[in-house]
Amino acid sequence: PGIHEGEQWFQSDHMIFAQNKRPAMAISSEHMAMICSEIAHTPH
C-alpha cells in the first residue's frame, strides 16, 4: 500500500553505483523535490 514507481532523481548515493555501471534503485518520498527545497538541512 502506498508504494509505487516514481520519477528518477539523481542527487543521492545510488548514482555512485549507476556511474560504475551497476544496477541501482532509489527509494524516497513522492514529494522529494519539496523536501529538498523546504525541509532538508533545517530545524524543521
ModelCIF file with pLDDT and N, C-alpha, C, O atoms, coordinates in Angstrom:
data_MODEL
#
_entry.id   MODEL 
#
_entity.id                         1 
_entity.type                       polymer 
_entity.pdbx_number_of_molecules   1 
#
_entity_poly.entity_id                      1 
_entity_poly.type                           'polypeptide(L)' 
_entity_poly.nstd_linkage                   no 
_entity_poly.nstd_monomer                   no 
_entity_poly.pdbx_seq_one_letter_code       PGIHEGEQWFQSDHMIFAQNKRPAMAISSEHMAMICSEIAHTPH 
_entity_poly.pdbx_seq_one_letter_code_can   PGIHEGEQWFQSDHMIFAQNKRPAMAISSEHMAMICSEIAHTPH 
_entity_poly.pdbx_strand_id                 A 
#
loop_
_entity_poly_seq.entity_id 
_entity_poly_seq.num 
_entity_poly_seq.mon_id 
_entity_poly_seq.hetero 
1 1  PRO n 
1 2  GLY n 
1 3  ILE n 
1 4  HIS n 
1 5  GLU n 
1 6  GLY n 
1 7  GLU n 
1 8  GLN n 
1 9  TRP n 
1 10 PHE n 
1 11 GLN n 
1 12 SER n 
1 13 ASP n 
1 14 HIS n 
1 15 MET n 
1 16 ILE n 
1 17 PHE n 
1 18 ALA n 
1 19 GLN n 
1 20 ASN n 
1 21 LYS n 
1 22 ARG n 
1 23 PRO n 
1 24 ALA n 
1 25 MET n 
1 26 ALA n 
1 27 ILE n 
1 28 SER n 
1 29 SER n 
1 30 GLU n 
1 31 HIS n 
1 32 MET n 
1 33 ALA n 
1 34 MET n 
1 35 ILE n 
1 36 CYS n 
1 37 SER n 
1 38 GLU n 
1 39 ILE n 
1 40 ALA n 
1 41 HIS n 
1 42 THR n 
1 43 PRO n 
1 44 HIS n 
#
_struct_asym.id          A 
_struct_asym.entity_id   1 
#
loop_
_ma_qa_metric.id 
_ma_qa_metric.mode 
_ma_qa_metric.name 
_ma_qa_metric.software_group_id 
_ma_qa_metric.type 
1 global pLDDT . pLDDT 
2 local  pLDDT . pLDDT 
#
_ma_qa_metric_global.metric_id      1 
_ma_qa_metric_global.metric_value   95.18 
_ma_qa_metric_global.model_id       1 
_ma_qa_metric_global.ordinal_id     1 
#
loop_
_ma_qa_metric_local.label_asym_id 
_ma_qa_metric_local.label_comp_id 
_ma_qa_metric_local.label_seq_id 
_ma_qa_metric_local.metric_id 
_ma_qa_metric_local.metric_value 
_ma_qa_metric_local.model_id 
_ma_qa_metric_local.ordinal_id 
A PRO 1  2 94.00 1 1  
A GLY 2  2 97.00 1 2  
A ILE 3  2 98.00 1 3  
A HIS 4  2 97.00 1 4  
A GLU 5  2 98.00 1 5  
A GLY 6  2 97.00 1 6  
A GLU 7  2 95.00 1 7  
A GLN 8  2 96.00 1 8  
A TRP 9  2 93.00 1 9  
A PHE 10 2 92.00 1 10 
A GLN 11 2 88.00 1 11 
A SER 12 2 94.00 1 12 
A ASP 13 2 96.00 1 13 
A HIS 14 2 97.00 1 14 
A MET 15 2 96.00 1 15 
A ILE 16 2 95.00 1 16 
A PHE 17 2 96.00 1 17 
A ALA 18 2 95.00 1 18 
A GLN 19 2 93.00 1 19 
A ASN 20 2 93.00 1 20 
A LYS 21 2 95.00 1 21 
A ARG 22 2 97.00 1 22 
A PRO 23 2 98.00 1 23 
A ALA 24 2 98.00 1 24 
A MET 25 2 98.00 1 25 
A ALA 26 2 98.00 1 26 
A ILE 27 2 98.00 1 27 
A SER 28 2 98.00 1 28 
A SER 29 2 98.00 1 29 
A GLU 30 2 98.00 1 30 
A HIS 31 2 97.00 1 31 
A MET 32 2 95.00 1 32 
A ALA 33 2 93.00 1 33 
A MET 34 2 94.00 1 34 
A ILE 35 2 95.00 1 35 
A CYS 36 2 92.00 1 36 
A SER 37 2 90.00 1 37 
A GLU 38 2 92.00 1 38 
A ILE 39 2 95.00 1 39 
A ALA 40 2 94.00 1 40 
A HIS 41 2 92.00 1 41 
A THR 42 2 93.00 1 42 
A PRO 43 2 95.00 1 43 
A HIS 44 2 95.00 1 44 
#
loop_
_atom_site.group_PDB 
_atom_site.id 
_atom_site.type_symbol 
_atom_site.label_atom_id 
_atom_site.label_alt_id 
_atom_site.label_comp_id 
_atom_site.label_asym_id 
_atom_site.label_entity_id 
_atom_site.label_seq_id 
_atom_site.pdbx_PDB_ins_code 
_atom_site.Cartn_x 
_atom_site.Cartn_y 
_atom_site.Cartn_z 
_atom_site.occupancy 
_atom_site.B_iso_or_equiv 
_atom_site.pdbx_formal_charge 
_atom_site.auth_seq_id 
_atom_site.auth_comp_id 
_atom_site.auth_asym_id 
_atom_site.auth_atom_id 
_atom_site.pdbx_PDB_model_num 
ATOM 1   N N  . PRO A 1 1  ? 0.825  -1.213 0.000   1.00 94.00 ? 1  PRO A N  1 
ATOM 2   C CA . PRO A 1 1  ? 0.000  0.000  0.000   1.00 94.00 ? 1  PRO A CA 1 
ATOM 3   C C  . PRO A 1 1  ? 0.857  1.261  0.000   1.00 94.00 ? 1  PRO A C  1 
ATOM 4   O O  . PRO A 1 1  ? 1.767  1.403  0.817   1.00 94.00 ? 1  PRO A O  1 
ATOM 5   N N  . GLY A 1 2  ? 0.560  2.174  -0.921  1.00 97.00 ? 2  GLY A N  1 
ATOM 6   C CA . GLY A 1 2  ? 1.228  3.478  -0.941  1.00 97.00 ? 2  GLY A CA 1 
ATOM 7   C C  . GLY A 1 2  ? 2.627  3.474  -1.485  1.00 97.00 ? 2  GLY A C  1 
ATOM 8   O O  . GLY A 1 2  ? 3.361  4.444  -1.296  1.00 97.00 ? 2  GLY A O  1 
ATOM 9   N N  . ILE A 1 3  ? 3.034  2.387  -2.171  1.00 98.00 ? 3  ILE A N  1 
ATOM 10  C CA . ILE A 1 3  ? 4.378  2.320  -2.751  1.00 98.00 ? 3  ILE A CA 1 
ATOM 11  C C  . ILE A 1 3  ? 4.248  2.089  -4.246  1.00 98.00 ? 3  ILE A C  1 
ATOM 12  O O  . ILE A 1 3  ? 3.668  1.089  -4.670  1.00 98.00 ? 3  ILE A O  1 
ATOM 13  N N  . HIS A 1 4  ? 4.781  3.003  -5.051  1.00 97.00 ? 4  HIS A N  1 
ATOM 14  C CA . HIS A 1 4  ? 4.676  2.892  -6.496  1.00 97.00 ? 4  HIS A CA 1 
ATOM 15  C C  . HIS A 1 4  ? 5.944  3.415  -7.164  1.00 97.00 ? 4  HIS A C  1 
ATOM 16  O O  . HIS A 1 4  ? 6.726  4.134  -6.542  1.00 97.00 ? 4  HIS A O  1 
ATOM 17  N N  . GLU A 1 5  ? 6.145  3.056  -8.421  1.00 98.00 ? 5  GLU A N  1 
ATOM 18  C CA . GLU A 1 5  ? 7.265  3.600  -9.186  1.00 98.00 ? 5  GLU A CA 1 
ATOM 19  C C  . GLU A 1 5  ? 7.038  5.089  -9.419  1.00 98.00 ? 5  GLU A C  1 
ATOM 20  O O  . GLU A 1 5  ? 5.924  5.515  -9.722  1.00 98.00 ? 5  GLU A O  1 
ATOM 21  N N  . GLY A 1 6  ? 8.106  5.878  -9.277  1.00 97.00 ? 6  GLY A N  1 
ATOM 22  C CA . GLY A 1 6  ? 8.030  7.318  -9.493  1.00 97.00 ? 6  GLY A CA 1 
ATOM 23  C C  . GLY A 1 6  ? 9.101  7.782  -10.463 1.00 97.00 ? 6  GLY A C  1 
ATOM 24  O O  . GLY A 1 6  ? 9.752  6.975  -11.127 1.00 97.00 ? 6  GLY A O  1 
ATOM 25  N N  . GLU A 1 7  ? 9.273  9.077  -10.534 1.00 95.00 ? 7  GLU A N  1 
ATOM 26  C CA . GLU A 1 7  ? 10.253 9.661  -11.444 1.00 95.00 ? 7  GLU A CA 1 
ATOM 27  C C  . GLU A 1 7  ? 11.666 9.439  -10.926 1.00 95.00 ? 7  GLU A C  1 
ATOM 28  O O  . GLU A 1 7  ? 11.889 9.338  -9.720  1.00 95.00 ? 7  GLU A O  1 
ATOM 29  N N  . GLN A 1 8  ? 12.611 9.366  -11.844 1.00 96.00 ? 8  GLN A N  1 
ATOM 30  C CA . GLN A 1 8  ? 14.017 9.259  -11.466 1.00 96.00 ? 8  GLN A CA 1 
ATOM 31  C C  . GLN A 1 8  ? 14.490 10.577 -10.849 1.00 96.00 ? 8  GLN A C  1 
ATOM 32  O O  . GLN A 1 8  ? 13.993 11.651 -11.189 1.00 96.00 ? 8  GLN A O  1 
ATOM 33  N N  . TRP A 1 9  ? 15.452 10.474 -9.944  1.00 93.00 ? 9  TRP A N  1 
ATOM 34  C CA . TRP A 1 9  ? 16.155 11.654 -9.441  1.00 93.00 ? 9  TRP A CA 1 
ATOM 35  C C  . TRP A 1 9  ? 17.615 11.263 -9.226  1.00 93.00 ? 9  TRP A C  1 
ATOM 36  O O  . TRP A 1 9  ? 17.924 10.088 -9.029  1.00 93.00 ? 9  TRP A O  1 
ATOM 37  N N  . PHE A 1 10 ? 18.507 12.245 -9.263  1.00 92.00 ? 10 PHE A N  1 
ATOM 38  C CA . PHE A 1 10 ? 19.916 11.927 -9.462  1.00 92.00 ? 10 PHE A CA 1 
ATOM 39  C C  . PHE A 1 10 ? 20.846 12.548 -8.417  1.00 92.00 ? 10 PHE A C  1 
ATOM 40  O O  . PHE A 1 10 ? 22.048 12.655 -8.660  1.00 92.00 ? 10 PHE A O  1 
ATOM 41  N N  . GLN A 1 11 ? 20.321 12.956 -7.271  1.00 88.00 ? 11 GLN A N  1 
ATOM 42  C CA . GLN A 1 11 ? 21.132 13.700 -6.312  1.00 88.00 ? 11 GLN A CA 1 
ATOM 43  C C  . GLN A 1 11 ? 21.467 12.907 -5.054  1.00 88.00 ? 11 GLN A C  1 
ATOM 44  O O  . GLN A 1 11 ? 21.529 13.489 -3.971  1.00 88.00 ? 11 GLN A O  1 
ATOM 45  N N  . SER A 1 12 ? 21.685 11.609 -5.162  1.00 94.00 ? 12 SER A N  1 
ATOM 46  C CA . SER A 1 12 ? 21.991 10.854 -3.949  1.00 94.00 ? 12 SER A CA 1 
ATOM 47  C C  . SER A 1 12 ? 22.914 9.684  -4.283  1.00 94.00 ? 12 SER A C  1 
ATOM 48  O O  . SER A 1 12 ? 23.414 9.561  -5.401  1.00 94.00 ? 12 SER A O  1 
ATOM 49  N N  . ASP A 1 13 ? 23.125 8.827  -3.275  1.00 96.00 ? 13 ASP A N  1 
ATOM 50  C CA . ASP A 1 13 ? 24.202 7.843  -3.351  1.00 96.00 ? 13 ASP A CA 1 
ATOM 51  C C  . ASP A 1 13 ? 23.990 6.727  -4.361  1.00 96.00 ? 13 ASP A C  1 
ATOM 52  O O  . ASP A 1 13 ? 24.956 6.048  -4.710  1.00 96.00 ? 13 ASP A O  1 
ATOM 53  N N  . HIS A 1 14 ? 22.765 6.502  -4.851  1.00 97.00 ? 14 HIS A N  1 
ATOM 54  C CA . HIS A 1 14 ? 22.576 5.467  -5.869  1.00 97.00 ? 14 HIS A CA 1 
ATOM 55  C C  . HIS A 1 14 ? 23.342 5.782  -7.145  1.00 97.00 ? 14 HIS A C  1 
ATOM 56  O O  . HIS A 1 14 ? 23.694 4.873  -7.898  1.00 97.00 ? 14 HIS A O  1 
ATOM 57  N N  . MET A 1 15 ? 23.608 7.086  -7.400  1.00 96.00 ? 15 MET A N  1 
ATOM 58  C CA . MET A 1 15 ? 24.293 7.450  -8.637  1.00 96.00 ? 15 MET A CA 1 
ATOM 59  C C  . MET A 1 15 ? 25.758 7.007  -8.644  1.00 96.00 ? 15 MET A C  1 
ATOM 60  O O  . MET A 1 15 ? 26.345 6.829  -9.711  1.00 96.00 ? 15 MET A O  1 
ATOM 61  N N  . ILE A 1 16 ? 26.347 6.830  -7.465  1.00 95.00 ? 16 ILE A N  1 
ATOM 62  C CA . ILE A 1 16 ? 27.714 6.308  -7.408  1.00 95.00 ? 16 ILE A CA 1 
ATOM 63  C C  . ILE A 1 16 ? 27.783 4.953  -8.094  1.00 95.00 ? 16 ILE A C  1 
ATOM 64  O O  . ILE A 1 16 ? 28.746 4.661  -8.803  1.00 95.00 ? 16 ILE A O  1 
ATOM 65  N N  . PHE A 1 17 ? 26.768 4.130  -7.888  1.00 96.00 ? 17 PHE A N  1 
ATOM 66  C CA . PHE A 1 17 ? 26.767 2.778  -8.445  1.00 96.00 ? 17 PHE A CA 1 
ATOM 67  C C  . PHE A 1 17 ? 26.315 2.783  -9.901  1.00 96.00 ? 17 PHE A C  1 
ATOM 68  O O  . PHE A 1 17 ? 26.846 2.036  -10.723 1.00 96.00 ? 17 PHE A O  1 
ATOM 69  N N  . ALA A 1 18 ? 25.335 3.626  -10.221 1.00 95.00 ? 18 ALA A N  1 
ATOM 70  C CA . ALA A 1 18 ? 24.919 3.742  -11.615 1.00 95.00 ? 18 ALA A CA 1 
ATOM 71  C C  . ALA A 1 18 ? 26.069 4.232  -12.475 1.00 95.00 ? 18 ALA A C  1 
ATOM 72  O O  . ALA A 1 18 ? 26.242 3.764  -13.600 1.00 95.00 ? 18 ALA A O  1 
ATOM 73  N N  . GLN A 1 19 ? 26.869 5.180  -11.958 1.00 93.00 ? 19 GLN A N  1 
ATOM 74  C CA . GLN A 1 19 ? 28.030 5.675  -12.704 1.00 93.00 ? 19 GLN A CA 1 
ATOM 75  C C  . GLN A 1 19 ? 29.097 4.611  -12.865 1.00 93.00 ? 19 GLN A C  1 
ATOM 76  O O  . GLN A 1 19 ? 29.908 4.670  -13.790 1.00 93.00 ? 19 GLN A O  1 
ATOM 77  N N  . ASN A 1 20 ? 29.099 3.629  -11.958 1.00 93.00 ? 20 ASN A N  1 
ATOM 78  C CA . ASN A 1 20 ? 30.019 2.488  -12.077 1.00 93.00 ? 20 ASN A CA 1 
ATOM 79  C C  . ASN A 1 20 ? 29.363 1.319  -12.803 1.00 93.00 ? 20 ASN A C  1 
ATOM 80  O O  . ASN A 1 20 ? 29.823 0.180  -12.721 1.00 93.00 ? 20 ASN A O  1 
ATOM 81  N N  . LYS A 1 21 ? 28.274 1.626  -13.519 1.00 95.00 ? 21 LYS A N  1 
ATOM 82  C CA . LYS A 1 21 ? 27.585 0.662  -14.398 1.00 95.00 ? 21 LYS A CA 1 
ATOM 83  C C  . LYS A 1 21 ? 27.024 -0.534 -13.636 1.00 95.00 ? 21 LYS A C  1 
ATOM 84  O O  . LYS A 1 21 ? 27.016 -1.656 -14.142 1.00 95.00 ? 21 LYS A O  1 
ATOM 85  N N  . ARG A 1 22 ? 26.553 -0.279 -12.408 1.00 97.00 ? 22 ARG A N  1 
ATOM 86  C CA . ARG A 1 22 ? 25.873 -1.307 -11.648 1.00 97.00 ? 22 ARG A CA 1 
ATOM 87  C C  . ARG A 1 22 ? 24.390 -0.946 -11.549 1.00 97.00 ? 22 ARG A C  1 
ATOM 88  O O  . ARG A 1 22 ? 24.057 0.228  -11.389 1.00 97.00 ? 22 ARG A O  1 
ATOM 89  N N  . PRO A 1 23 ? 23.495 -1.933 -11.639 1.00 98.00 ? 23 PRO A N  1 
ATOM 90  C CA . PRO A 1 23 ? 22.069 -1.660 -11.472 1.00 98.00 ? 23 PRO A CA 1 
ATOM 91  C C  . PRO A 1 23 ? 21.811 -1.009 -10.116 1.00 98.00 ? 23 PRO A C  1 
ATOM 92  O O  . PRO A 1 23 ? 22.410 -1.383 -9.108  1.00 98.00 ? 23 PRO A O  1 
ATOM 93  N N  . ALA A 1 24 ? 20.914 -0.033 -10.111 1.00 98.00 ? 24 ALA A N  1 
ATOM 94  C CA . ALA A 1 24 ? 20.636 0.683  -8.869  1.00 98.00 ? 24 ALA A CA 1 
ATOM 95  C C  . ALA A 1 24 ? 19.163 1.055  -8.804  1.00 98.00 ? 24 ALA A C  1 
ATOM 96  O O  . ALA A 1 24 ? 18.485 1.166  -9.825  1.00 98.00 ? 24 ALA A O  1 
ATOM 97  N N  . MET A 1 25 ? 18.687 1.242  -7.588  1.00 98.00 ? 25 MET A N  1 
ATOM 98  C CA . MET A 1 25 ? 17.349 1.748  -7.320  1.00 98.00 ? 25 MET A CA 1 
ATOM 99  C C  . MET A 1 25 ? 17.454 2.878  -6.307  1.00 98.00 ? 25 MET A C  1 
ATOM 100 O O  . MET A 1 25 ? 18.343 2.883  -5.456  1.00 98.00 ? 25 MET A O  1 
ATOM 101 N N  . ALA A 1 26 ? 16.541 3.830  -6.407  1.00 98.00 ? 26 ALA A N  1 
ATOM 102 C CA . ALA A 1 26 ? 16.424 4.893  -5.419  1.00 98.00 ? 26 ALA A CA 1 
ATOM 103 C C  . ALA A 1 26 ? 15.024 4.841  -4.819  1.00 98.00 ? 26 ALA A C  1 
ATOM 104 O O  . ALA A 1 26 ? 14.037 4.663  -5.534  1.00 98.00 ? 26 ALA A O  1 
ATOM 105 N N  . ILE A 1 27 ? 14.949 4.998  -3.511  1.00 98.00 ? 27 ILE A N  1 
ATOM 106 C CA . ILE A 1 27 ? 13.663 4.955  -2.810  1.00 98.00 ? 27 ILE A CA 1 
ATOM 107 C C  . ILE A 1 27 ? 13.557 6.194  -1.938  1.00 98.00 ? 27 ILE A C  1 
ATOM 108 O O  . ILE A 1 27 ? 14.446 6.483  -1.137  1.00 98.00 ? 27 ILE A O  1 
ATOM 109 N N  . SER A 1 28 ? 12.451 6.926  -2.103  1.00 98.00 ? 28 SER A N  1 
ATOM 110 C CA . SER A 1 28 ? 12.253 8.144  -1.333  1.00 98.00 ? 28 SER A CA 1 
ATOM 111 C C  . SER A 1 28 ? 10.771 8.470  -1.262  1.00 98.00 ? 28 SER A C  1 
ATOM 112 O O  . SER A 1 28 ? 9.920  7.663  -1.637  1.00 98.00 ? 28 SER A O  1 
ATOM 113 N N  . SER A 1 29 ? 10.482 9.664  -0.775  1.00 98.00 ? 29 SER A N  1 
ATOM 114 C CA . SER A 1 29 ? 9.106  10.137 -0.708  1.00 98.00 ? 29 SER A CA 1 
ATOM 115 C C  . SER A 1 29 ? 8.681  10.740 -2.037  1.00 98.00 ? 29 SER A C  1 
ATOM 116 O O  . SER A 1 29 ? 9.503  11.251 -2.798  1.00 98.00 ? 29 SER A O  1 
ATOM 117 N N  . GLU A 1 30 ? 7.384  10.671 -2.299  1.00 98.00 ? 30 GLU A N  1 
ATOM 118 C CA . GLU A 1 30 ? 6.840  11.255 -3.521  1.00 98.00 ? 30 GLU A CA 1 
ATOM 119 C C  . GLU A 1 30 ? 7.201  12.734 -3.643  1.00 98.00 ? 30 GLU A C  1 
ATOM 120 O O  . GLU A 1 30 ? 7.463  13.221 -4.743  1.00 98.00 ? 30 GLU A O  1 
ATOM 121 N N  . HIS A 1 31 ? 7.216  13.444 -2.526  1.00 97.00 ? 31 HIS A N  1 
ATOM 122 C CA . HIS A 1 31 ? 7.476  14.888 -2.537  1.00 97.00 ? 31 HIS A CA 1 
ATOM 123 C C  . HIS A 1 31 ? 8.938  15.202 -2.249  1.00 97.00 ? 31 HIS A C  1 
ATOM 124 O O  . HIS A 1 31 ? 9.246  16.143 -1.518  1.00 97.00 ? 31 HIS A O  1 
ATOM 125 N N  . MET A 1 32 ? 9.834  14.412 -2.825  1.00 95.00 ? 32 MET A N  1 
ATOM 126 C CA . MET A 1 32 ? 11.257 14.598 -2.571  1.00 95.00 ? 32 MET A CA 1 
ATOM 127 C C  . MET A 1 32 ? 11.735 15.996 -2.951  1.00 95.00 ? 32 MET A C  1 
ATOM 128 O O  . MET A 1 32 ? 12.526 16.589 -2.218  1.00 95.00 ? 32 MET A O  1 
ATOM 129 N N  . ALA A 1 33 ? 11.279 16.530 -4.066  1.00 93.00 ? 33 ALA A N  1 
ATOM 130 C CA . ALA A 1 33 ? 11.729 17.856 -4.502  1.00 93.00 ? 33 ALA A CA 1 
ATOM 131 C C  . ALA A 1 33 ? 11.360 18.915 -3.471  1.00 93.00 ? 33 ALA A C  1 
ATOM 132 O O  . ALA A 1 33 ? 12.164 19.799 -3.173  1.00 93.00 ? 33 ALA A O  1 
ATOM 133 N N  . MET A 1 34 ? 10.158 18.833 -2.927  1.00 94.00 ? 34 MET A N  1 
ATOM 134 C CA . MET A 1 34 ? 9.725  19.787 -1.911  1.00 94.00 ? 34 MET A CA 1 
ATOM 135 C C  . MET A 1 34 ? 10.521 19.614 -0.620  1.00 94.00 ? 34 MET A C  1 
ATOM 136 O O  . MET A 1 34 ? 10.891 20.598 0.020   1.00 94.00 ? 34 MET A O  1 
ATOM 137 N N  . ILE A 1 35 ? 10.787 18.361 -0.237  1.00 95.00 ? 35 ILE A N  1 
ATOM 138 C CA . ILE A 1 35 ? 11.578 18.105 0.966   1.00 95.00 ? 35 ILE A CA 1 
ATOM 139 C C  . ILE A 1 35 ? 12.949 18.758 0.838   1.00 95.00 ? 35 ILE A C  1 
ATOM 140 O O  . ILE A 1 35 ? 13.433 19.384 1.781   1.00 95.00 ? 35 ILE A O  1 
ATOM 141 N N  . CYS A 1 36 ? 13.577 18.612 -0.333  1.00 92.00 ? 36 CYS A N  1 
ATOM 142 C CA . CYS A 1 36 ? 14.911 19.190 -0.558  1.00 92.00 ? 36 CYS A CA 1 
ATOM 143 C C  . CYS A 1 36 ? 14.871 20.719 -0.522  1.00 92.00 ? 36 CYS A C  1 
ATOM 144 O O  . CYS A 1 36 ? 15.787 21.354 0.001   1.00 92.00 ? 36 CYS A O  1 
ATOM 145 N N  . SER A 1 37 ? 13.816 21.304 -1.076  1.00 90.00 ? 37 SER A N  1 
ATOM 146 C CA . SER A 1 37 ? 13.780 22.756 -1.213  1.00 90.00 ? 37 SER A CA 1 
ATOM 147 C C  . SER A 1 37 ? 13.260 23.475 0.019   1.00 90.00 ? 37 SER A C  1 
ATOM 148 O O  . SER A 1 37 ? 13.534 24.663 0.189   1.00 90.00 ? 37 SER A O  1 
ATOM 149 N N  . GLU A 1 38 ? 12.507 22.782 0.900   1.00 92.00 ? 38 GLU A N  1 
ATOM 150 C CA . GLU A 1 38 ? 11.870 23.479 2.008   1.00 92.00 ? 38 GLU A CA 1 
ATOM 151 C C  . GLU A 1 38 ? 12.161 22.889 3.394   1.00 92.00 ? 38 GLU A C  1 
ATOM 152 O O  . GLU A 1 38 ? 11.996 23.582 4.398   1.00 92.00 ? 38 GLU A O  1 
ATOM 153 N N  . ILE A 1 39 ? 12.587 21.635 3.466   1.00 95.00 ? 39 ILE A N  1 
ATOM 154 C CA . ILE A 1 39 ? 12.686 20.963 4.769   1.00 95.00 ? 39 ILE A CA 1 
ATOM 155 C C  . ILE A 1 39 ? 14.111 20.521 5.098   1.00 95.00 ? 39 ILE A C  1 
ATOM 156 O O  . ILE A 1 39 ? 14.617 20.806 6.184   1.00 95.00 ? 39 ILE A O  1 
ATOM 157 N N  . ALA A 1 40 ? 14.751 19.831 4.171   1.00 94.00 ? 40 ALA A N  1 
ATOM 158 C CA . ALA A 1 40 ? 16.069 19.245 4.448   1.00 94.00 ? 40 ALA A CA 1 
ATOM 159 C C  . ALA A 1 40 ? 17.068 20.315 4.872   1.00 94.00 ? 40 ALA A C  1 
ATOM 160 O O  . ALA A 1 40 ? 17.031 21.447 4.390   1.00 94.00 ? 40 ALA A O  1 
ATOM 161 N N  . HIS A 1 41 ? 17.956 19.938 5.779   1.00 92.00 ? 41 HIS A N  1 
ATOM 162 C CA . HIS A 1 41 ? 19.046 20.784 6.260   1.00 92.00 ? 41 HIS A CA 1 
ATOM 163 C C  . HIS A 1 41 ? 18.558 21.949 7.118   1.00 92.00 ? 41 HIS A C  1 
ATOM 164 O O  . HIS A 1 41 ? 19.274 22.935 7.294   1.00 92.00 ? 41 HIS A O  1 
ATOM 165 N N  . THR A 1 42 ? 17.346 21.837 7.649   1.00 93.00 ? 42 THR A N  1 
ATOM 166 C CA . THR A 1 42 ? 16.817 22.881 8.530   1.00 93.00 ? 42 THR A CA 1 
ATOM 167 C C  . THR A 1 42 ? 16.309 22.260 9.826   1.00 93.00 ? 42 THR A C  1 
ATOM 168 O O  . THR A 1 42 ? 16.128 21.044 9.895   1.00 93.00 ? 42 THR A O  1 
ATOM 169 N N  . PRO A 1 43 ? 16.074 23.078 10.857  1.00 95.00 ? 43 PRO A N  1 
ATOM 170 C CA . PRO A 1 43 ? 15.499 22.550 12.101  1.00 95.00 ? 43 PRO A CA 1 
ATOM 171 C C  . PRO A 1 43 ? 14.089 21.986 11.918  1.00 95.00 ? 43 PRO A C  1 
ATOM 172 O O  . PRO A 1 43 ? 13.594 21.260 12.781  1.00 95.00 ? 43 PRO A O  1 
ATOM 173 N N  . HIS A 1 44 ? 13.445 22.318 10.801  1.00 95.00 ? 44 HIS A N  1 
ATOM 174 C CA . HIS A 1 44 ? 12.076 21.822 10.567  1.00 95.00 ? 44 HIS A CA 1 
ATOM 175 C C  . HIS A 1 44 ? 12.040 20.335 10.202  1.00 95.00 ? 44 HIS A C  1 
ATOM 176 O O  . HIS A 1 44 ? 10.965 19.780 9.978   1.00 95.00 ? 44 HIS A O  1 
#
